[in-house]
Amino acid sequence: MIDHPCLSDRQRTPPKAVAAAAERGLALREAHGRGGTEVGLRRARRLSNRETVSDRDIKSMYSYFARHAVDKRGAHWADADKPSAGYIAWQLWGGDAGRDWIDRLRATLREAGL
């Protein structure tokens, strides 16, 4: 699959806030021993390294955030002492900054018919 040229490498590079959220998720997972899957860990490493995302990554991340937005209503979301596994996973995927960034990229792909 070839990435559509409607998005530049600059647009596809995770913003600093997204990288920071992914790093926070990695630290929280290490500290609490829970949150996220192997897929989420790989995603966090790529985001924290600010590696560009593909069209496929954008669609996958968009789907993740859509499926897991409900987790924000769970107990201990963002609790400093005992964050929920869902919160940790959300951070691994770039947190709210990641969701907002991916929403913009997904909209651009949709406008291009993808």
PDB file of N, CA and C in Angstrom:
ATOM      1  N   MET A   1       0.845  -1.181   0.000  1.00  0.00           N
ATOM      2  CA  MET A   1       0.000   0.000   0.000  1.00  0.00           C
ATOM      3  C   MET A   1       0.890   1.243   0.000  1.00  0.00           C
ATOM      4  N   ILE A   2       0.652   2.123  -0.917  1.00  0.00           N
ATOM      5  CA  ILE A   2       1.390   3.383  -1.030  1.00  0.00           C
ATOM      6  C   ILE A   2       0.613   4.453  -0.258  1.00  0.00           C
ATOM      7  N   ASP A   3       1.339   5.248   0.511  1.00  0.00           N
ATOM      8  CA  ASP A   3       0.684   6.321   1.241  1.00  0.00           C
ATOM      9  C   ASP A   3       0.271   7.419   0.275  1.00  0.00           C
ATOM     10  N   HIS A   4      -0.897   7.970   0.521  1.00  0.00           N
ATOM     11  CA  HIS A   4      -1.441   9.007  -0.347  1.00  0.00           C
ATOM     12  C   HIS A   4      -0.649  10.299  -0.174  1.00  0.00           C
ATOM     13  N   PRO A   5      -0.335  10.970  -1.275  1.00  0.00           N
ATOM     14  CA  PRO A   5       0.473  12.199  -1.209  1.00  0.00           C
ATOM     15  C   PRO A   5      -0.268  13.414  -0.647  1.00  0.00           C
ATOM     16  N   CYS A   6      -1.544  13.255  -0.273  1.00  0.00           N
ATOM     17  CA  CYS A   6      -2.269  14.400   0.287  1.00  0.00           C
ATOM     18  C   CYS A   6      -1.721  14.811   1.654  1.00  0.00           C
ATOM     19  N   LEU A   7      -0.897  13.951   2.261  1.00  0.00           N
ATOM     20  CA  LEU A   7      -0.275  14.262   3.550  1.00  0.00           C
ATOM     21  C   LEU A   7       1.243  14.251   3.397  1.00  0.00           C
ATOM     22  N   SER A   8       1.875  15.309   3.878  1.00  0.00           N
ATOM     23  CA  SER A   8       3.340  15.399   3.812  1.00  0.00           C
ATOM     24  C   SER A   8       3.968  14.617   4.969  1.00  0.00           C
ATOM     25  N   ASP A   9       5.264  14.380   4.861  1.00  0.00           N
ATOM     26  CA  ASP A   9       5.985  13.735   5.962  1.00  0.00           C
ATOM     27  C   ASP A   9       5.883  14.575   7.229  1.00  0.00           C
ATOM     28  N   ARG A  10       5.892  15.876   7.073  1.00  0.00           N
ATOM     29  CA  ARG A  10       5.769  16.760   8.238  1.00  0.00           C
ATOM     30  C   ARG A  10       4.431  16.527   8.942  1.00  0.00           C
ATOM     31  N   GLN A  11       3.352  16.429   8.174  1.00  0.00           N
ATOM     32  CA  GLN A  11       2.038  16.174   8.759  1.00  0.00           C
ATOM     33  C   GLN A  11       1.979  14.788   9.399  1.00  0.00           C
ATOM     34  N   ARG A  12       2.685  13.841   8.820  1.00  0.00           N
ATOM     35  CA  ARG A  12       2.671  12.463   9.300  1.00  0.00           C
ATOM     36  C   ARG A  12       3.582  12.237  10.508  1.00  0.00           C
ATOM     37  N   THR A  13       4.395  13.220  10.858  1.00  0.00           N
ATOM     38  CA  THR A  13       5.304  13.106  11.997  1.00  0.00           C
ATOM     39  C   THR A  13       4.547  13.482  13.271  1.00  0.00           C
ATOM     40  N   PRO A  14       4.548  12.602  14.260  1.00  0.00           N
ATOM     41  CA  PRO A  14       3.824  12.905  15.501  1.00  0.00           C
ATOM     42  C   PRO A  14       4.307  14.208  16.136  1.00  0.00           C
ATOM     43  N   PRO A  15       3.372  15.083  16.491  1.00  0.00           N
ATOM     44  CA  PRO A  15       3.746  16.310  17.191  1.00  0.00           C
ATOM     45  C   PRO A  15       4.395  15.979  18.538  1.00  0.00           C
ATOM     46  N   LYS A  16       5.108  16.943  19.084  1.00  0.00           N
ATOM     47  CA  LYS A  16       5.804  16.734  20.362  1.00  0.00           C
ATOM     48  C   LYS A  16       4.845  16.322  21.474  1.00  0.00           C
ATOM     49  N   ALA A  17       3.649  16.896  21.496  1.00  0.00           N
ATOM     50  CA  ALA A  17       2.678  16.551  22.553  1.00  0.00           C
ATOM     51  C   ALA A  17       2.250  15.092  22.446  1.00  0.00           C
ATOM     52  N   VAL A  18       2.164  14.577  21.237  1.00  0.00           N
ATOM     53  CA  VAL A  18       1.798  13.168  21.026  1.00  0.00           C
ATOM     54  C   VAL A  18       2.940  12.278  21.500  1.00  0.00           C
ATOM     55  N   ALA A  19       4.162  12.636  21.148  1.00  0.00           N
ATOM     56  CA  ALA A  19       5.334  11.876  21.586  1.00  0.00           C
ATOM     57  C   ALA A  19       5.431  11.877  23.112  1.00  0.00           C
ATOM     58  N   ALA A  20       5.161  13.019  23.719  1.00  0.00           N
ATOM     59  CA  ALA A  20       5.235  13.130  25.179  1.00  0.00           C
ATOM     60  C   ALA A  20       4.176  12.249  25.847  1.00  0.00           C
ATOM     61  N   ALA A  21       2.975  12.206  25.291  1.00  0.00           N
ATOM     62  CA  ALA A  21       1.923  11.350  25.857  1.00  0.00           C
ATOM     63  C   ALA A  21       2.316   9.879  25.756  1.00  0.00           C
ATOM     64  N   ALA A  22       2.881   9.488  24.624  1.00  0.00           N
ATOM     65  CA  ALA A  22       3.319   8.102  24.451  1.00  0.00           C
ATOM     66  C   ALA A  22       4.413   7.756  25.463  1.00  0.00           C
ATOM     67  N   GLU A  23       5.341   8.670  25.661  1.00  0.00           N
ATOM     68  CA  GLU A  23       6.402   8.451  26.659  1.00  0.00           C
ATOM     69  C   GLU A  23       5.804   8.328  28.055  1.00  0.00           C
ATOM     70  N   ARG A  24       4.813   9.167  28.357  1.00  0.00           N
ATOM     71  CA  ARG A  24       4.123   9.105  29.646  1.00  0.00           C
ATOM     72  C   ARG A  24       3.453   7.744  29.808  1.00  0.00           C
ATOM     73  N   GLY A  25       2.816   7.255  28.735  1.00  0.00           N
ATOM     74  CA  GLY A  25       2.182   5.944  28.783  1.00  0.00           C
ATOM     75  C   GLY A  25       3.183   4.832  29.049  1.00  0.00           C
ATOM     76  N   LEU A  26       4.339   4.898  28.406  1.00  0.00           N
ATOM     77  CA  LEU A  26       5.383   3.896  28.635  1.00  0.00           C
ATOM     78  C   LEU A  26       5.855   3.922  30.088  1.00  0.00           C
ATOM     79  N   ALA A  27       6.036   5.117  30.639  1.00  0.00           N
ATOM     80  CA  ALA A  27       6.474   5.254  32.028  1.00  0.00           C
ATOM     81  C   ALA A  27       5.408   4.732  32.990  1.00  0.00           C
ATOM     82  N   LEU A  28       4.147   5.048  32.719  1.00  0.00           N
ATOM     83  CA  LEU A  28       3.061   4.573  33.578  1.00  0.00           C
ATOM     84  C   LEU A  28       2.944   3.057  33.535  1.00  0.00           C
ATOM     85  N   ARG A  29       3.095   2.489  32.353  1.00  0.00           N
ATOM     86  CA  ARG A  29       3.011   1.030  32.226  1.00  0.00           C
ATOM     87  C   ARG A  29       4.137   0.370  33.008  1.00  0.00           C
ATOM     88  N   GLU A  30       5.310   0.951  32.921  1.00  0.00           N
ATOM     89  CA  GLU A  30       6.460   0.430  33.668  1.00  0.00           C
ATOM     90  C   GLU A  30       6.199   0.525  35.173  1.00  0.00           C
ATOM     91  N   ALA A  31       5.673   1.648  35.616  1.00  0.00           N
ATOM     92  CA  ALA A  31       5.453   1.882  37.046  1.00  0.00           C
ATOM     93  C   ALA A  31       4.329   1.029  37.618  1.00  0.00           C
ATOM     94  N   HIS A  32       3.281   0.781  36.824  1.00  0.00           N
ATOM     95  CA  HIS A  32       2.094   0.105  37.349  1.00  0.00           C
ATOM     96  C   HIS A  32       1.921  -1.328  36.854  1.00  0.00           C
ATOM     97  N   GLY A  33       2.717  -1.729  35.875  1.00  0.00           N
ATOM     98  CA  GLY A  33       2.666  -3.107  35.402  1.00  0.00           C
ATOM     99  C   GLY A  33       1.388  -3.494  34.689  1.00  0.00           C
ATOM    100  N   ARG A  34       0.721  -2.519  34.079  1.00  0.00           N
ATOM    101  CA  ARG A  34      -0.518  -2.814  33.351  1.00  0.00           C
ATOM    102  C   ARG A  34      -0.775  -1.714  32.325  1.00  0.00           C
ATOM    103  N   GLY A  35      -1.759  -1.990  31.472  1.00  0.00           N
ATOM    104  CA  GLY A  35      -2.174  -1.005  30.475  1.00  0.00           C
ATOM    105  C   GLY A  35      -1.534  -1.255  29.134  1.00  0.00           C
ATOM    106  N   GLY A  36      -2.360  -1.396  28.131  1.00  0.00           N
ATOM    107  CA  GLY A  36      -1.876  -1.561  26.769  1.00  0.00           C
ATOM    108  C   GLY A  36      -1.534  -2.992  26.408  1.00  0.00           C
ATOM    109  N   THR A  37      -1.483  -3.221  25.123  1.00  0.00           N
ATOM    110  CA  THR A  37      -1.143  -4.519  24.552  1.00  0.00           C
ATOM    111  C   THR A  37       0.213  -4.399  23.877  1.00  0.00           C
ATOM    112  N   GLU A  38       0.672  -5.484  23.301  1.00  0.00           N
ATOM    113  CA  GLU A  38       1.922  -5.423  22.539  1.00  0.00           C
ATOM    114  C   GLU A  38       1.799  -4.440  21.377  1.00  0.00           C
ATOM    115  N   VAL A  39       0.631  -4.402  20.759  1.00  0.00           N
ATOM    116  CA  VAL A  39       0.389  -3.449  19.666  1.00  0.00           C
ATOM    117  C   VAL A  39       0.508  -2.018  20.198  1.00  0.00           C
ATOM    118  N   GLY A  40      -0.094  -1.767  21.351  1.00  0.00           N
ATOM    119  CA  GLY A  40      -0.011  -0.443  21.960  1.00  0.00           C
ATOM    120  C   GLY A  40       1.405  -0.056  22.334  1.00  0.00           C
ATOM    121  N   LEU A  41       2.179  -1.027  22.805  1.00  0.00           N
ATOM    122  CA  LEU A  41       3.583  -0.749  23.140  1.00  0.00           C
ATOM    123  C   LEU A  41       4.385  -0.390  21.897  1.00  0.00           C
ATOM    124  N   ARG A  42       4.172  -1.132  20.823  1.00  0.00           N
ATOM    125  CA  ARG A  42       4.869  -0.812  19.564  1.00  0.00           C
ATOM    126  C   ARG A  42       4.475   0.582  19.084  1.00  0.00           C
ATOM    127  N   ARG A  43       3.176   0.870  19.168  1.00  0.00           N
ATOM    128  CA  ARG A  43       2.692   2.187  18.746  1.00  0.00           C
ATOM    129  C   ARG A  43       3.355   3.275  19.580  1.00  0.00           C
ATOM    130  N   ALA A  44       3.420   3.085  20.890  1.00  0.00           N
ATOM    131  CA  ALA A  44       4.018   4.094  21.772  1.00  0.00           C
ATOM    132  C   ALA A  44       5.487   4.329  21.440  1.00  0.00           C
ATOM    133  N   ARG A  45       6.199   3.268  21.172  1.00  0.00           N
ATOM    134  CA  ARG A  45       7.616   3.431  20.837  1.00  0.00           C
ATOM    135  C   ARG A  45       7.789   4.236  19.554  1.00  0.00           C
ATOM    136  N   ARG A  46       6.957   3.935  18.559  1.00  0.00           N
ATOM    137  CA  ARG A  46       7.050   4.664  17.290  1.00  0.00           C
ATOM    138  C   ARG A  46       6.650   6.129  17.467  1.00  0.00           C
ATOM    139  N   LEU A  47       5.578   6.361  18.237  1.00  0.00           N
ATOM    140  CA  LEU A  47       5.148   7.742  18.462  1.00  0.00           C
ATOM    141  C   LEU A  47       6.186   8.511  19.259  1.00  0.00           C
ATOM    142  N   SER A  48       6.732   7.904  20.305  1.00  0.00           N
ATOM    143  CA  SER A  48       7.709   8.612  21.130  1.00  0.00           C
ATOM    144  C   SER A  48       8.987   8.914  20.357  1.00  0.00           C
ATOM    145  N   ASN A  49       9.298   8.086  19.366  1.00  0.00           N
ATOM    146  CA  ASN A  49      10.449   8.343  18.486  1.00  0.00           C
ATOM    147  C   ASN A  49      10.110   9.297  17.352  1.00  0.00           C
ATOM    148  N   ARG A  50       8.862   9.706  17.282  1.00  0.00           N
ATOM    149  CA  ARG A  50       8.346  10.628  16.265  1.00  0.00           C
ATOM    150  C   ARG A  50       8.550  10.100  14.850  1.00  0.00           C
ATOM    151  N   GLU A  51       8.293   8.788  14.700  1.00  0.00           N
ATOM    152  CA  GLU A  51       8.352   8.162  13.383  1.00  0.00           C
ATOM    153  C   GLU A  51       7.067   8.490  12.626  1.00  0.00           C
ATOM    154  N   THR A  52       7.186   8.746  11.333  1.00  0.00           N
ATOM    155  CA  THR A  52       6.010   9.093  10.531  1.00  0.00           C
ATOM    156  C   THR A  52       5.011   7.939  10.525  1.00  0.00           C
ATOM    157  N   VAL A  53       3.743   8.300  10.384  1.00  0.00           N
ATOM    158  CA  VAL A  53       2.676   7.305  10.329  1.00  0.00           C
ATOM    159  C   VAL A  53       2.212   7.123   8.890  1.00  0.00           C
ATOM    160  N   SER A  54       1.836   5.902   8.567  1.00  0.00           N
ATOM    161  CA  SER A  54       1.322   5.569   7.241  1.00  0.00           C
ATOM    162  C   SER A  54      -0.189   5.784   7.204  1.00  0.00           C
ATOM    163  N   ASP A  55      -0.765   5.695   6.014  1.00  0.00           N
ATOM    164  CA  ASP A  55      -2.221   5.748   5.890  1.00  0.00           C
ATOM    165  C   ASP A  55      -2.855   4.658   6.751  1.00  0.00           C
ATOM    166  N   ARG A  56      -2.266   3.483   6.722  1.00  0.00           N
ATOM    167  CA  ARG A  56      -2.784   2.356   7.505  1.00  0.00           C
ATOM    168  C   ARG A  56      -2.717   2.656   9.007  1.00  0.00           C
ATOM    169  N   ASP A  57      -1.601   3.248   9.450  1.00  0.00           N
ATOM    170  CA  ASP A  57      -1.468   3.635  10.859  1.00  0.00           C
ATOM    171  C   ASP A  57      -2.553   4.634  11.252  1.00  0.00           C
ATOM    172  N   ILE A  58      -2.796   5.592  10.390  1.00  0.00           N
ATOM    173  CA  ILE A  58      -3.805   6.625  10.666  1.00  0.00           C
ATOM    174  C   ILE A  58      -5.168   5.978  10.862  1.00  0.00           C
ATOM    175  N   LYS A  59      -5.527   5.087   9.969  1.00  0.00           N
ATOM    176  CA  LYS A  59      -6.827   4.415  10.075  1.00  0.00           C
ATOM    177  C   LYS A  59      -6.906   3.562  11.333  1.00  0.00           C
ATOM    178  N   SER A  60      -5.814   2.870  11.657  1.00  0.00           N
ATOM    179  CA  SER A  60      -5.771   2.038  12.857  1.00  0.00           C
ATOM    180  C   SER A  60      -5.901   2.881  14.124  1.00  0.00           C
ATOM    181  N   MET A  61      -5.171   3.973  14.175  1.00  0.00           N
ATOM    182  CA  MET A  61      -5.230   4.840  15.348  1.00  0.00           C
ATOM    183  C   MET A  61      -6.598   5.495  15.480  1.00  0.00           C
ATOM    184  N   TYR A  62      -7.169   5.906  14.359  1.00  0.00           N
ATOM    185  CA  TYR A  62      -8.502   6.498  14.372  1.00  0.00           C
ATOM    186  C   TYR A  62      -9.502   5.501  14.959  1.00  0.00           C
ATOM    187  N   SER A  63      -9.406   4.256  14.530  1.00  0.00           N
ATOM    188  CA  SER A  63     -10.304   3.205  15.035  1.00  0.00           C
ATOM    189  C   SER A  63     -10.077   2.961  16.526  1.00  0.00           C
ATOM    190  N   TYR A  64      -8.815   2.941  16.945  1.00  0.00           N
ATOM    191  CA  TYR A  64      -8.511   2.738  18.369  1.00  0.00           C
ATOM    192  C   TYR A  64      -9.214   3.810  19.202  1.00  0.00           C
ATOM    193  N   PHE A  65      -9.013   5.077  18.852  1.00  0.00           N
ATOM    194  CA  PHE A  65      -9.593   6.156  19.646  1.00  0.00           C
ATOM    195  C   PHE A  65     -11.123   6.106  19.631  1.00  0.00           C
ATOM    196  N   ALA A  66     -11.716   5.765  18.511  1.00  0.00           N
ATOM    197  CA  ALA A  66     -13.172   5.657  18.443  1.00  0.00           C
ATOM    198  C   ALA A  66     -13.687   4.546  19.367  1.00  0.00           C
ATOM    199  N   ARG A  67     -12.999   3.409  19.373  1.00  0.00           N
ATOM    200  CA  ARG A  67     -13.420   2.274  20.207  1.00  0.00           C
ATOM    201  C   ARG A  67     -13.221   2.525  21.691  1.00  0.00           C
ATOM    202  N   HIS A  68     -12.176   3.242  22.035  1.00  0.00           N
ATOM    203  CA  HIS A  68     -11.790   3.355  23.441  1.00  0.00           C
ATOM    204  C   HIS A  68     -12.144   4.676  24.106  1.00  0.00           C
ATOM    205  N   ALA A  69     -12.836   5.551  23.420  1.00  0.00           N
ATOM    206  CA  ALA A  69     -13.257   6.812  24.041  1.00  0.00           C
ATOM    207  C   ALA A  69     -14.121   6.544  25.277  1.00  0.00           C
ATOM    208  N   VAL A  70     -14.882   5.482  25.246  1.00  0.00           N
ATOM    209  CA  VAL A  70     -15.750   5.103  26.366  1.00  0.00           C
ATOM    210  C   VAL A  70     -14.937   4.810  27.631  1.00  0.00           C
ATOM    211  N   ASP A  71     -13.694   4.412  27.478  1.00  0.00           N
ATOM    212  CA  ASP A  71     -12.844   4.098  28.637  1.00  0.00           C
ATOM    213  C   ASP A  71     -12.656   5.306  29.550  1.00  0.00           C
ATOM    214  N   LYS A  72     -12.823   6.498  28.994  1.00  0.00           N
ATOM    215  CA  LYS A  72     -12.634   7.713  29.782  1.00  0.00           C
ATOM    216  C   LYS A  72     -13.647   7.829  30.918  1.00  0.00           C
ATOM    217  N   ARG A  73     -14.740   7.074  30.811  1.00  0.00           N
ATOM    218  CA  ARG A  73     -15.767   7.111  31.858  1.00  0.00           C
ATOM    219  C   ARG A  73     -15.491   6.121  32.988  1.00  0.00           C
ATOM    220  N   GLY A  74     -14.436   5.337  32.850  1.00  0.00           N
ATOM    221  CA  GLY A  74     -14.120   4.314  33.836  1.00  0.00           C
ATOM    222  C   GLY A  74     -13.513   4.874  35.113  1.00  0.00           C
ATOM    223  N   ALA A  75     -13.526   4.033  36.141  1.00  0.00           N
ATOM    224  CA  ALA A  75     -12.951   4.412  37.427  1.00  0.00           C
ATOM    225  C   ALA A  75     -11.447   4.621  37.298  1.00  0.00           C
ATOM    226  N   HIS A  76     -10.938   5.578  38.035  1.00  0.00           N
ATOM    227  CA  HIS A  76      -9.511   5.875  38.140  1.00  0.00           C
ATOM    228  C   HIS A  76      -8.877   6.412  36.859  1.00  0.00           C
ATOM    229  N   TRP A  77      -9.695   6.893  35.918  1.00  0.00           N
ATOM    230  CA  TRP A  77      -9.127   7.502  34.714  1.00  0.00           C
ATOM    231  C   TRP A  77      -8.238   8.656  35.170  1.00  0.00           C
ATOM    232  N   ALA A  78      -6.994   8.654  34.795  1.00  0.00           N
ATOM    233  CA  ALA A  78      -6.015   9.712  35.082  1.00  0.00           C
ATOM    234  C   ALA A  78      -5.740   9.916  36.570  1.00  0.00           C
ATOM    235  N   ASP A  79      -6.118   8.964  37.413  1.00  0.00           N
ATOM    236  CA  ASP A  79      -5.803   9.034  38.843  1.00  0.00           C
ATOM    237  C   ASP A  79      -4.280   8.989  38.987  1.00  0.00           C
ATOM    238  N   ALA A  80      -3.709   9.985  39.634  1.00  0.00           N
ATOM    239  CA  ALA A  80      -2.248  10.083  39.736  1.00  0.00           C
ATOM    240  C   ALA A  80      -1.630   8.894  40.468  1.00  0.00           C
ATOM    241  N   ASP A  81      -2.331   8.354  41.462  1.00  0.00           N
ATOM    242  CA  ASP A  81      -1.789   7.244  42.242  1.00  0.00           C
ATOM    243  C   ASP A  81      -2.118   5.873  41.655  1.00  0.00           C
ATOM    244  N   LYS A  82      -3.249   5.778  40.992  1.00  0.00           N
ATOM    245  CA  LYS A  82      -3.698   4.477  40.484  1.00  0.00           C
ATOM    246  C   LYS A  82      -4.445   4.668  39.158  1.00  0.00           C
ATOM    247  N   PRO A  83      -3.728   5.065  38.099  1.00  0.00           N
ATOM    248  CA  PRO A  83      -4.416   5.290  36.815  1.00  0.00           C
ATOM    249  C   PRO A  83      -4.965   3.975  36.264  1.00  0.00           C
ATOM    250  N   SER A  84      -6.104   4.072  35.612  1.00  0.00           N
ATOM    251  CA  SER A  84      -6.706   2.867  35.038  1.00  0.00           C
ATOM    252  C   SER A  84      -5.839   2.335  33.897  1.00  0.00           C
ATOM    253  N   ALA A  85      -5.995   1.053  33.624  1.00  0.00           N
ATOM    254  CA  ALA A  85      -5.292   0.437  32.491  1.00  0.00           C
ATOM    255  C   ALA A  85      -5.695   1.127  31.195  1.00  0.00           C
ATOM    256  N   GLY A  86      -6.965   1.534  31.103  1.00  0.00           N
ATOM    257  CA  GLY A  86      -7.442   2.235  29.917  1.00  0.00           C
ATOM    258  C   GLY A  86      -6.746   3.572  29.721  1.00  0.00           C
ATOM    259  N   TYR A  87      -6.526   4.286  30.817  1.00  0.00           N
ATOM    260  CA  TYR A  87      -5.820   5.568  30.733  1.00  0.00           C
ATOM    261  C   TYR A  87      -4.388   5.364  30.249  1.00  0.00           C
ATOM    262  N   ILE A  88      -3.733   4.356  30.804  1.00  0.00           N
ATOM    263  CA  ILE A  88      -2.352   4.062  30.407  1.00  0.00           C
ATOM    264  C   ILE A  88      -2.301   3.727  28.920  1.00  0.00           C
ATOM    265  N   ALA A  89      -3.222   2.873  28.472  1.00  0.00           N
ATOM    266  CA  ALA A  89      -3.272   2.500  27.054  1.00  0.00           C
ATOM    267  C   ALA A  89      -3.531   3.729  26.186  1.00  0.00           C
ATOM    268  N   TRP A  90      -4.438   4.594  26.607  1.00  0.00           N
ATOM    269  CA  TRP A  90      -4.764   5.822  25.855  1.00  0.00           C
ATOM    270  C   TRP A  90      -3.514   6.666  25.663  1.00  0.00           C
ATOM    271  N   GLN A  91      -2.707   6.767  26.727  1.00  0.00           N
ATOM    272  CA  GLN A  91      -1.462   7.525  26.637  1.00  0.00           C
ATOM    273  C   GLN A  91      -0.493   6.856  25.670  1.00  0.00           C
ATOM    274  N   LEU A  92      -0.432   5.528  25.695  1.00  0.00           N
ATOM    275  CA  LEU A  92       0.458   4.810  24.773  1.00  0.00           C
ATOM    276  C   LEU A  92       0.142   5.163  23.322  1.00  0.00           C
ATOM    277  N   TRP A  93      -1.124   5.403  23.030  1.00  0.00           N
ATOM    278  CA  TRP A  93      -1.557   5.729  21.670  1.00  0.00           C
ATOM    279  C   TRP A  93      -1.478   7.227  21.376  1.00  0.00           C
ATOM    280  N   GLY A  94      -0.924   8.008  22.291  1.00  0.00           N
ATOM    281  CA  GLY A  94      -0.721   9.440  22.055  1.00  0.00           C
ATOM    282  C   GLY A  94      -1.645  10.350  22.822  1.00  0.00           C
ATOM    283  N   GLY A  95      -2.525   9.783  23.651  1.00  0.00           N
ATOM    284  CA  GLY A  95      -3.411  10.587  24.486  1.00  0.00           C
ATOM    285  C   GLY A  95      -4.372  11.452  23.675  1.00  0.00           C
ATOM    286  N   ASP A  96      -4.933  12.448  24.332  1.00  0.00           N
ATOM    287  CA  ASP A  96      -5.880  13.350  23.665  1.00  0.00           C
ATOM    288  C   ASP A  96      -5.225  14.080  22.495  1.00  0.00           C
ATOM    289  N   ALA A  97      -3.944  14.415  22.661  1.00  0.00           N
ATOM    290  CA  ALA A  97      -3.224  15.085  21.558  1.00  0.00           C
ATOM    291  C   ALA A  97      -3.146  14.162  20.347  1.00  0.00           C
ATOM    292  N   GLY A  98      -2.935  12.870  20.591  1.00  0.00           N
ATOM    293  CA  GLY A  98      -2.887  11.886  19.510  1.00  0.00           C
ATOM    294  C   GLY A  98      -4.222  11.751  18.818  1.00  0.00           C
ATOM    295  N   ARG A  99      -5.291  11.706  19.612  1.00  0.00           N
ATOM    296  CA  ARG A  99      -6.634  11.620  19.034  1.00  0.00           C
ATOM    297  C   ARG A  99      -6.931  12.822  18.149  1.00  0.00           C
ATOM    298  N   ASP A 100      -6.618  14.010  18.632  1.00  0.00           N
ATOM    299  CA  ASP A 100      -6.898  15.226  17.860  1.00  0.00           C
ATOM    300  C   ASP A 100      -6.079  15.262  16.570  1.00  0.00           C
ATOM    301  N   TRP A 101      -4.817  14.900  16.654  1.00  0.00           N
ATOM    302  CA  TRP A 101      -3.929  14.868  15.480  1.00  0.00           C
ATOM    303  C   TRP A 101      -4.429  13.850  14.456  1.00  0.00           C
ATOM    304  N   ILE A 102      -4.751  12.659  14.920  1.00  0.00           N
ATOM    305  CA  ILE A 102      -5.213  11.604  14.015  1.00  0.00           C
ATOM    306  C   ILE A 102      -6.566  11.961  13.401  1.00  0.00           C
ATOM    307  N   ASP A 103      -7.440  12.587  14.164  1.00  0.00           N
ATOM    308  CA  ASP A 103      -8.731  13.019  13.607  1.00  0.00           C
ATOM    309  C   ASP A 103      -8.515  13.945  12.408  1.00  0.00           C
ATOM    310  N   ARG A 104      -7.545  14.860  12.540  1.00  0.00           N
ATOM    311  CA  ARG A 104      -7.258  15.785  11.432  1.00  0.00           C
ATOM    312  C   ARG A 104      -6.696  15.032  10.218  1.00  0.00           C
ATOM    313  N   LEU A 105      -5.759  14.108  10.468  1.00  0.00           N
ATOM    314  CA  LEU A 105      -5.178  13.355   9.355  1.00  0.00           C
ATOM    315  C   LEU A 105      -6.222  12.472   8.681  1.00  0.00           C
ATOM    316  N   ARG A 106      -7.067  11.840   9.471  1.00  0.00           N
ATOM    317  CA  ARG A 106      -8.110  10.965   8.911  1.00  0.00           C
ATOM    318  C   ARG A 106      -9.072  11.778   8.050  1.00  0.00           C
ATOM    319  N   ALA A 107      -9.406  12.979   8.498  1.00  0.00           N
ATOM    320  CA  ALA A 107     -10.302  13.843   7.707  1.00  0.00           C
ATOM    321  C   ALA A 107      -9.665  14.183   6.362  1.00  0.00           C
ATOM    322  N   THR A 108      -8.373  14.445   6.360  1.00  0.00           N
ATOM    323  CA  THR A 108      -7.669  14.744   5.104  1.00  0.00           C
ATOM    324  C   THR A 108      -7.704  13.532   4.166  1.00  0.00           C
ATOM    325  N   LEU A 109      -7.472  12.347   4.723  1.00  0.00           N
ATOM    326  CA  LEU A 109      -7.542  11.130   3.880  1.00  0.00           C
ATOM    327  C   LEU A 109      -8.951  10.930   3.325  1.00  0.00           C
ATOM    328  N   ARG A 110      -9.951  11.178   4.138  1.00  0.00           N
ATOM    329  CA  ARG A 110     -11.333  11.014   3.675  1.00  0.00           C
ATOM    330  C   ARG A 110     -11.645  12.001   2.547  1.00  0.00           C
ATOM    331  N   GLU A 111     -11.172  13.220   2.691  1.00  0.00           N
ATOM    332  CA  GLU A 111     -11.377  14.217   1.639  1.00  0.00           C
ATOM    333  C   GLU A 111     -10.731  13.766   0.322  1.00  0.00           C
ATOM    334  N   ALA A 112      -9.647  12.995   0.440  1.00  0.00           N
ATOM    335  CA  ALA A 112      -8.959  12.470  -0.747  1.00  0.00           C
ATOM    336  C   ALA A 112      -9.599  11.172  -1.244  1.00  0.00           C
ATOM    337  N   GLY A 113     -10.673  10.760  -0.588  1.00  0.00           N
ATOM    338  CA  GLY A 113     -11.395   9.564  -1.020  1.00  0.00           C
ATOM    339  C   GLY A 113     -10.851   8.256  -0.486  1.00  0.00           C
ATOM    340  N   LEU A 114     -10.056   8.316   0.569  1.00  0.00           N
ATOM    341  CA  LEU A 114      -9.483   7.102   1.156  1.00  0.00           C
ATOM    342  C   LEU A 114     -10.145   6.727   2.456  1.00  0.00           C
TER     343      LEU A 114
END
